[in-house]
Amino acid sequence: MPDQATGASALIAGEVDYMQYLPFDLLPRLER
């Protein structure tokens, strides 16, 4: 992935199944 935000968005969308390190600033969105 080009950056963590892209990876996190792909995880939320179900395009990837696992992401090793989640970006701290996106944790609230990921929790929801």
All heavy atoms as atom14 arrays in JSON, in Angstrom:
{
  "sequence": "MPDQATGASALIAGEVDYMQYLPFDLLPRLER",
  "atom14_mask": [
    [1, 1, 1, 1, 1, 1, 1, 1, 0, 0, 0, 0, 0, 0],
    [1, 1, 1, 1, 1, 1, 1, 0, 0, 0, 0, 0, 0, 0],
    [1, 1, 1, 1, 1, 1, 1, 1, 0, 0, 0, 0, 0, 0],
    [1, 1, 1, 1, 1, 1, 1, 1, 1, 0, 0, 0, 0, 0],
    [1, 1, 1, 1, 1, 0, 0, 0, 0, 0, 0, 0, 0, 0],
    [1, 1, 1, 1, 1, 1, 1, 0, 0, 0, 0, 0, 0, 0],
    [1, 1, 1, 1, 0, 0, 0, 0, 0, 0, 0, 0, 0, 0],
    [1, 1, 1, 1, 1, 0, 0, 0, 0, 0, 0, 0, 0, 0],
    [1, 1, 1, 1, 1, 1, 0, 0, 0, 0, 0, 0, 0, 0],
    [1, 1, 1, 1, 1, 0, 0, 0, 0, 0, 0, 0, 0, 0],
    [1, 1, 1, 1, 1, 1, 1, 1, 0, 0, 0, 0, 0, 0],
    [1, 1, 1, 1, 1, 1, 1, 1, 0, 0, 0, 0, 0, 0],
    [1, 1, 1, 1, 1, 0, 0, 0, 0, 0, 0, 0, 0, 0],
    [1, 1, 1, 1, 0, 0, 0, 0, 0, 0, 0, 0, 0, 0],
    [1, 1, 1, 1, 1, 1, 1, 1, 1, 0, 0, 0, 0, 0],
    [1, 1, 1, 1, 1, 1, 1, 0, 0, 0, 0, 0, 0, 0],
    [1, 1, 1, 1, 1, 1, 1, 1, 0, 0, 0, 0, 0, 0],
    [1, 1, 1, 1, 1, 1, 1, 1, 1, 1, 1, 1, 0, 0],
    [1, 1, 1, 1, 1, 1, 1, 1, 0, 0, 0, 0, 0, 0],
    [1, 1, 1, 1, 1, 1, 1, 1, 1, 0, 0, 0, 0, 0],
    [1, 1, 1, 1, 1, 1, 1, 1, 1, 1, 1, 1, 0, 0],
    [1, 1, 1, 1, 1, 1, 1, 1, 0, 0, 0, 0, 0, 0],
    [1, 1, 1, 1, 1, 1, 1, 0, 0, 0, 0, 0, 0, 0],
    [1, 1, 1, 1, 1, 1, 1, 1, 1, 1, 1, 0, 0, 0],
    [1, 1, 1, 1, 1, 1, 1, 1, 0, 0, 0, 0, 0, 0],
    [1, 1, 1, 1, 1, 1, 1, 1, 0, 0, 0, 0, 0, 0],
    [1, 1, 1, 1, 1, 1, 1, 1, 0, 0, 0, 0, 0, 0],
    [1, 1, 1, 1, 1, 1, 1, 0, 0, 0, 0, 0, 0, 0],
    [1, 1, 1, 1, 1, 1, 1, 1, 1, 1, 1, 0, 0, 0],
    [1, 1, 1, 1, 1, 1, 1, 1, 0, 0, 0, 0, 0, 0],
    [1, 1, 1, 1, 1, 1, 1, 1, 1, 0, 0, 0, 0, 0],
    [1, 1, 1, 1, 1, 1, 1, 1, 1, 1, 1, 0, 0, 0]
  ],
  "atom14_positions": [
    [[0.83, -1.19, 0.0], [0.0, 0.0, 0.0], [0.88, 1.26, 0.0], [1.96, 1.26, 0.59], [-0.91, 0.01, 1.24], [-1.93, -1.1, 1.26], [-3.23, -0.81, 0.04], [-4.03, -2.43, 0.02], [0.0, 0.0, 0.0], [0.0, 0.0, 0.0], [0.0, 0.0, 0.0], [0.0, 0.0, 0.0], [0.0, 0.0, 0.0], [0.0, 0.0, 0.0]],
    [[0.42, 2.32, -0.65], [1.25, 3.54, -0.7], [1.4, 4.21, 0.66], [2.38, 4.92, 0.89], [0.5, 4.43, -1.69], [-0.92, 3.93, -1.68], [-0.82, 2.46, -1.44], [0.0, 0.0, 0.0], [0.0, 0.0, 0.0], [0.0, 0.0, 0.0], [0.0, 0.0, 0.0], [0.0, 0.0, 0.0], [0.0, 0.0, 0.0], [0.0, 0.0, 0.0]],
    [[0.44, 4.02, 1.55], [0.51, 4.64, 2.87], [-0.47, 3.92, 3.79], [-1.29, 3.11, 3.37], [0.21, 6.14, 2.81], [-1.1, 6.44, 2.09], [-2.15, 5.93, 2.54], [-1.07, 7.16, 1.07], [0.0, 0.0, 0.0], [0.0, 0.0, 0.0], [0.0, 0.0, 0.0], [0.0, 0.0, 0.0], [0.0, 0.0, 0.0], [0.0, 0.0, 0.0]],
    [[-0.36, 4.24, 5.1], [-1.22, 3.56, 6.09], [-2.69, 3.89, 5.9], [-3.55, 3.04, 6.11], [-0.76, 3.96, 7.49], [0.5, 3.26, 7.97], [0.73, 3.54, 9.44], [0.67, 4.67, 9.89], [1.01, 2.49, 10.2], [0.0, 0.0, 0.0], [0.0, 0.0, 0.0], [0.0, 0.0, 0.0], [0.0, 0.0, 0.0], [0.0, 0.0, 0.0]],
    [[-2.99, 5.11, 5.53], [-4.39, 5.5, 5.37], [-5.06, 4.69, 4.27], [-6.21, 4.25, 4.4], [-4.49, 6.99, 5.08], [0.0, 0.0, 0.0], [0.0, 0.0, 0.0], [0.0, 0.0, 0.0], [0.0, 0.0, 0.0], [0.0, 0.0, 0.0], [0.0, 0.0, 0.0], [0.0, 0.0, 0.0], [0.0, 0.0, 0.0], [0.0, 0.0, 0.0]],
    [[-4.34, 4.46, 3.17], [-4.88, 3.64, 2.09], [-5.11, 2.21, 2.56], [-6.13, 1.59, 2.26], [-3.93, 3.67, 0.88], [-3.72, 5.01, 0.46], [-4.51, 2.87, -0.28], [0.0, 0.0, 0.0], [0.0, 0.0, 0.0], [0.0, 0.0, 0.0], [0.0, 0.0, 0.0], [0.0, 0.0, 0.0], [0.0, 0.0, 0.0], [0.0, 0.0, 0.0]],
    [[-4.15, 1.68, 3.32], [-4.31, 0.33, 3.86], [-5.49, 0.22, 4.79], [-6.27, -0.75, 4.73], [0.0, 0.0, 0.0], [0.0, 0.0, 0.0], [0.0, 0.0, 0.0], [0.0, 0.0, 0.0], [0.0, 0.0, 0.0], [0.0, 0.0, 0.0], [0.0, 0.0, 0.0], [0.0, 0.0, 0.0], [0.0, 0.0, 0.0], [0.0, 0.0, 0.0]],
    [[-5.67, 1.22, 5.67], [-6.8, 1.19, 6.6], [-8.13, 1.27, 5.86], [-9.09, 0.59, 6.22], [-6.66, 2.33, 7.6], [0.0, 0.0, 0.0], [0.0, 0.0, 0.0], [0.0, 0.0, 0.0], [0.0, 0.0, 0.0], [0.0, 0.0, 0.0], [0.0, 0.0, 0.0], [0.0, 0.0, 0.0], [0.0, 0.0, 0.0], [0.0, 0.0, 0.0]],
    [[-8.19, 2.1, 4.82], [-9.41, 2.2, 4.04], [-9.73, 0.88, 3.34], [-10.89, 0.47, 3.25], [-9.29, 3.33, 3.01], [-9.17, 4.58, 3.63], [0.0, 0.0, 0.0], [0.0, 0.0, 0.0], [0.0, 0.0, 0.0], [0.0, 0.0, 0.0], [0.0, 0.0, 0.0], [0.0, 0.0, 0.0], [0.0, 0.0, 0.0], [0.0, 0.0, 0.0]],
    [[-8.68, 0.21, 2.85], [-8.88, -1.09, 2.2], [-9.37, -2.14, 3.21], [-10.2, -2.99, 2.88], [-7.59, -1.56, 1.55], [0.0, 0.0, 0.0], [0.0, 0.0, 0.0], [0.0, 0.0, 0.0], [0.0, 0.0, 0.0], [0.0, 0.0, 0.0], [0.0, 0.0, 0.0], [0.0, 0.0, 0.0], [0.0, 0.0, 0.0], [0.0, 0.0, 0.0]],
    [[-8.89, -2.06, 4.45], [-9.36, -2.97, 5.49], [-10.84, -2.73, 5.8], [-11.63, -3.66, 5.9], [-8.51, -2.8, 6.75], [-8.87, -3.7, 7.94], [-8.58, -5.17, 7.63], [-8.09, -3.27, 9.19], [0.0, 0.0, 0.0], [0.0, 0.0, 0.0], [0.0, 0.0, 0.0], [0.0, 0.0, 0.0], [0.0, 0.0, 0.0], [0.0, 0.0, 0.0]],
    [[-11.21, -1.47, 5.94], [-12.61, -1.13, 6.22], [-13.52, -1.59, 5.08], [-14.62, -2.1, 5.31], [-12.74, 0.39, 6.45], [-12.05, 0.78, 7.76], [-14.2, 0.82, 6.47], [-11.91, 2.27, 7.97], [0.0, 0.0, 0.0], [0.0, 0.0, 0.0], [0.0, 0.0, 0.0], [0.0, 0.0, 0.0], [0.0, 0.0, 0.0], [0.0, 0.0, 0.0]],
    [[-13.04, -1.44, 3.85], [-13.85, -1.83, 2.69], [-13.87, -3.34, 2.45], [-14.62, -3.81, 1.58], [-13.31, -1.12, 1.44], [0.0, 0.0, 0.0], [0.0, 0.0, 0.0], [0.0, 0.0, 0.0], [0.0, 0.0, 0.0], [0.0, 0.0, 0.0], [0.0, 0.0, 0.0], [0.0, 0.0, 0.0], [0.0, 0.0, 0.0], [0.0, 0.0, 0.0]],
    [[-13.07, -4.09, 3.19], [-13.01, -5.53, 2.99], [-12.13, -5.96, 1.84], [-12.15, -7.12, 1.43], [0.0, 0.0, 0.0], [0.0, 0.0, 0.0], [0.0, 0.0, 0.0], [0.0, 0.0, 0.0], [0.0, 0.0, 0.0], [0.0, 0.0, 0.0], [0.0, 0.0, 0.0], [0.0, 0.0, 0.0], [0.0, 0.0, 0.0], [0.0, 0.0, 0.0]],
    [[-11.32, -5.02, 1.31], [-10.43, -5.35, 0.2], [-9.17, -6.07, 0.69], [-8.51, -6.75, -0.09], [-10.05, -4.08, -0.56], [-11.25, -3.41, -1.22], [-10.95, -1.98, -1.66], [-9.81, -1.54, -1.43], [-11.85, -1.33, -2.2], [0.0, 0.0, 0.0], [0.0, 0.0, 0.0], [0.0, 0.0, 0.0], [0.0, 0.0, 0.0], [0.0, 0.0, 0.0]],
    [[-8.81, -5.88, 1.95], [-7.75, -6.65, 2.57], [-8.3, -7.24, 3.86], [-9.26, -6.73, 4.44], [-6.47, -5.82, 2.84], [-5.91, -5.25, 1.56], [-6.73, -4.73, 3.86], [0.0, 0.0, 0.0], [0.0, 0.0, 0.0], [0.0, 0.0, 0.0], [0.0, 0.0, 0.0], [0.0, 0.0, 0.0], [0.0, 0.0, 0.0], [0.0, 0.0, 0.0]],
    [[-7.68, -8.34, 4.3], [-8.18, -9.09, 5.46], [-7.41, -8.8, 6.73], [-7.9, -9.08, 7.83], [-8.1, -10.59, 5.17], [-8.93, -10.98, 3.96], [-10.16, -10.83, 4.03], [-8.34, -11.44, 2.96], [0.0, 0.0, 0.0], [0.0, 0.0, 0.0], [0.0, 0.0, 0.0], [0.0, 0.0, 0.0], [0.0, 0.0, 0.0], [0.0, 0.0, 0.0]],
    [[-6.2, -8.27, 6.59], [-5.35, -8.07, 7.76], [-4.4, -6.92, 7.48], [-3.86, -6.79, 6.37], [-4.54, -9.35, 8.03], [-3.49, -9.22, 9.11], [-3.76, -9.56, 10.44], [-2.2, -8.77, 8.81], [-2.79, -9.45, 11.43], [-1.22, -8.66, 9.79], [-1.52, -9.0, 11.1], [-0.56, -8.88, 12.08], [0.0, 0.0, 0.0], [0.0, 0.0, 0.0]],
    [[-4.19, -6.07, 8.49], [-3.22, -4.99, 8.4], [-2.4, -4.99, 9.67], [-2.94, -4.92, 10.78], [-3.92, -3.64, 8.2], [-2.95, -2.49, 8.02], [-3.84, -0.96, 7.57], [-2.45, 0.21, 7.54], [0.0, 0.0, 0.0], [0.0, 0.0, 0.0], [0.0, 0.0, 0.0], [0.0, 0.0, 0.0], [0.0, 0.0, 0.0], [0.0, 0.0, 0.0]],
    [[-1.08, -5.1, 9.52], [-0.22, -5.3, 10.68], [-0.22, -4.11, 11.63], [-0.3, -4.3, 12.85], [1.21, -5.6, 10.22], [2.17, -5.92, 11.36], [3.56, -6.27, 10.88], [3.84, -6.33, 9.68], [4.47, -6.5, 11.82], [0.0, 0.0, 0.0], [0.0, 0.0, 0.0], [0.0, 0.0, 0.0], [0.0, 0.0, 0.0], [0.0, 0.0, 0.0]],
    [[-0.1, -2.9, 11.1], [-0.03, -1.72, 11.95], [-1.1, -0.72, 11.53], [-1.06, -0.19, 10.41], [1.35, -1.04, 11.86], [2.49, -1.9, 12.35], [3.74, -1.82, 11.74], [2.32, -2.77, 13.41], [4.8, -2.6, 12.19], [3.37, -3.55, 13.87], [4.61, -3.46, 13.25], [5.65, -4.23, 13.7], [0.0, 0.0, 0.0], [0.0, 0.0, 0.0]],
    [[-2.03, -0.46, 12.43], [-3.07, 0.51, 12.15], [-2.61, 1.91, 12.52], [-1.96, 2.1, 13.56], [-4.34, 0.16, 12.94], [-4.95, -1.21, 12.67], [-6.17, -1.41, 13.57], [-5.33, -1.37, 11.2], [0.0, 0.0, 0.0], [0.0, 0.0, 0.0], [0.0, 0.0, 0.0], [0.0, 0.0, 0.0], [0.0, 0.0, 0.0], [0.0, 0.0, 0.0]],
    [[-2.94, 2.92, 11.71], [-2.54, 4.3, 12.05], [-3.34, 4.81, 13.24], [-4.57, 4.65, 13.31], [-2.86, 5.08, 10.77], [-3.88, 4.26, 10.05], [-3.62, 2.84, 10.41], [0.0, 0.0, 0.0], [0.0, 0.0, 0.0], [0.0, 0.0, 0.0], [0.0, 0.0, 0.0], [0.0, 0.0, 0.0], [0.0, 0.0, 0.0], [0.0, 0.0, 0.0]],
    [[-2.64, 5.45, 14.18], [-3.31, 5.89, 15.41], [-4.44, 6.88, 15.13], [-5.48, 6.84, 15.79], [-2.28, 6.52, 16.35], [-1.33, 5.53, 16.96], [0.02, 5.59, 16.69], [-1.8, 4.53, 17.8], [0.9, 4.68, 17.25], [-0.93, 3.6, 18.36], [0.42, 3.69, 18.08], [0.0, 0.0, 0.0], [0.0, 0.0, 0.0], [0.0, 0.0, 0.0]],
    [[-4.25, 7.76, 14.15], [-5.26, 8.79, 13.93], [-6.56, 8.23, 13.34], [-7.59, 8.9, 13.36], [-4.71, 9.91, 13.04], [-4.25, 9.42, 11.68], [-3.99, 8.22, 11.52], [-4.13, 10.26, 10.77], [0.0, 0.0, 0.0], [0.0, 0.0, 0.0], [0.0, 0.0, 0.0], [0.0, 0.0, 0.0], [0.0, 0.0, 0.0], [0.0, 0.0, 0.0]],
    [[-6.5, 6.99, 12.83], [-7.7, 6.38, 12.25], [-8.34, 5.34, 13.17], [-9.32, 4.69, 12.79], [-7.37, 5.75, 10.89], [-6.99, 6.73, 9.78], [-6.69, 5.97, 8.5], [-8.1, 7.76, 9.55], [0.0, 0.0, 0.0], [0.0, 0.0, 0.0], [0.0, 0.0, 0.0], [0.0, 0.0, 0.0], [0.0, 0.0, 0.0], [0.0, 0.0, 0.0]],
    [[-7.79, 5.16, 14.37], [-8.35, 4.15, 15.27], [-9.82, 4.38, 15.59], [-10.6, 3.41, 15.61], [-7.52, 4.06, 16.55], [-6.12, 3.45, 16.42], [-5.47, 3.34, 17.8], [-6.15, 2.1, 15.74], [0.0, 0.0, 0.0], [0.0, 0.0, 0.0], [0.0, 0.0, 0.0], [0.0, 0.0, 0.0], [0.0, 0.0, 0.0], [0.0, 0.0, 0.0]],
    [[-10.27, 5.61, 15.87], [-11.71, 5.79, 16.15], [-12.59, 5.32, 15.0], [-13.63, 4.68, 15.23], [-11.83, 7.3, 16.39], [-10.48, 7.72, 16.87], [-9.52, 6.88, 16.09], [0.0, 0.0, 0.0], [0.0, 0.0, 0.0], [0.0, 0.0, 0.0], [0.0, 0.0, 0.0], [0.0, 0.0, 0.0], [0.0, 0.0, 0.0], [0.0, 0.0, 0.0]],
    [[-12.19, 5.61, 13.78], [-12.97, 5.17, 12.62], [-12.93, 3.65, 12.49], [-13.95, 3.01, 12.21], [-12.41, 5.83, 11.36], [-13.16, 5.46, 10.09], [-12.51, 6.08, 8.88], [-13.07, 5.57, 7.64], [-12.48, 5.64, 6.46], [-11.28, 6.22, 6.36], [-13.05, 5.15, 5.39], [0.0, 0.0, 0.0], [0.0, 0.0, 0.0], [0.0, 0.0, 0.0]],
    [[-11.77, 3.06, 12.73], [-11.64, 1.61, 12.62], [-12.44, 0.9, 13.71], [-13.01, -0.17, 13.48], [-10.16, 1.22, 12.7], [-9.35, 1.56, 11.44], [-7.86, 1.66, 11.77], [-9.57, 0.49, 10.37], [0.0, 0.0, 0.0], [0.0, 0.0, 0.0], [0.0, 0.0, 0.0], [0.0, 0.0, 0.0], [0.0, 0.0, 0.0], [0.0, 0.0, 0.0]],
    [[-12.49, 1.49, 14.89], [-13.28, 0.89, 15.98], [-14.76, 0.84, 15.64], [-15.48, -0.07, 16.08], [-13.06, 1.68, 17.28], [-11.67, 1.46, 17.89], [-11.42, 2.37, 19.07], [-12.07, 3.44, 19.15], [-10.59, 2.04, 19.92], [0.0, 0.0, 0.0], [0.0, 0.0, 0.0], [0.0, 0.0, 0.0], [0.0, 0.0, 0.0], [0.0, 0.0, 0.0]],
    [[-15.22, 1.8, 14.86], [-16.65, 1.86, 14.48], [-16.97, 1.04, 13.24], [-18.14, 0.78, 12.95], [-17.06, 3.32, 14.24], [-16.99, 4.21, 15.47], [-17.66, 5.55, 15.2], [-17.06, 6.25, 14.07], [-16.07, 7.13, 14.17], [-15.56, 7.41, 15.37], [-15.59, 7.74, 13.1], [0.0, 0.0, 0.0], [0.0, 0.0, 0.0], [0.0, 0.0, 0.0]]
  ]
}
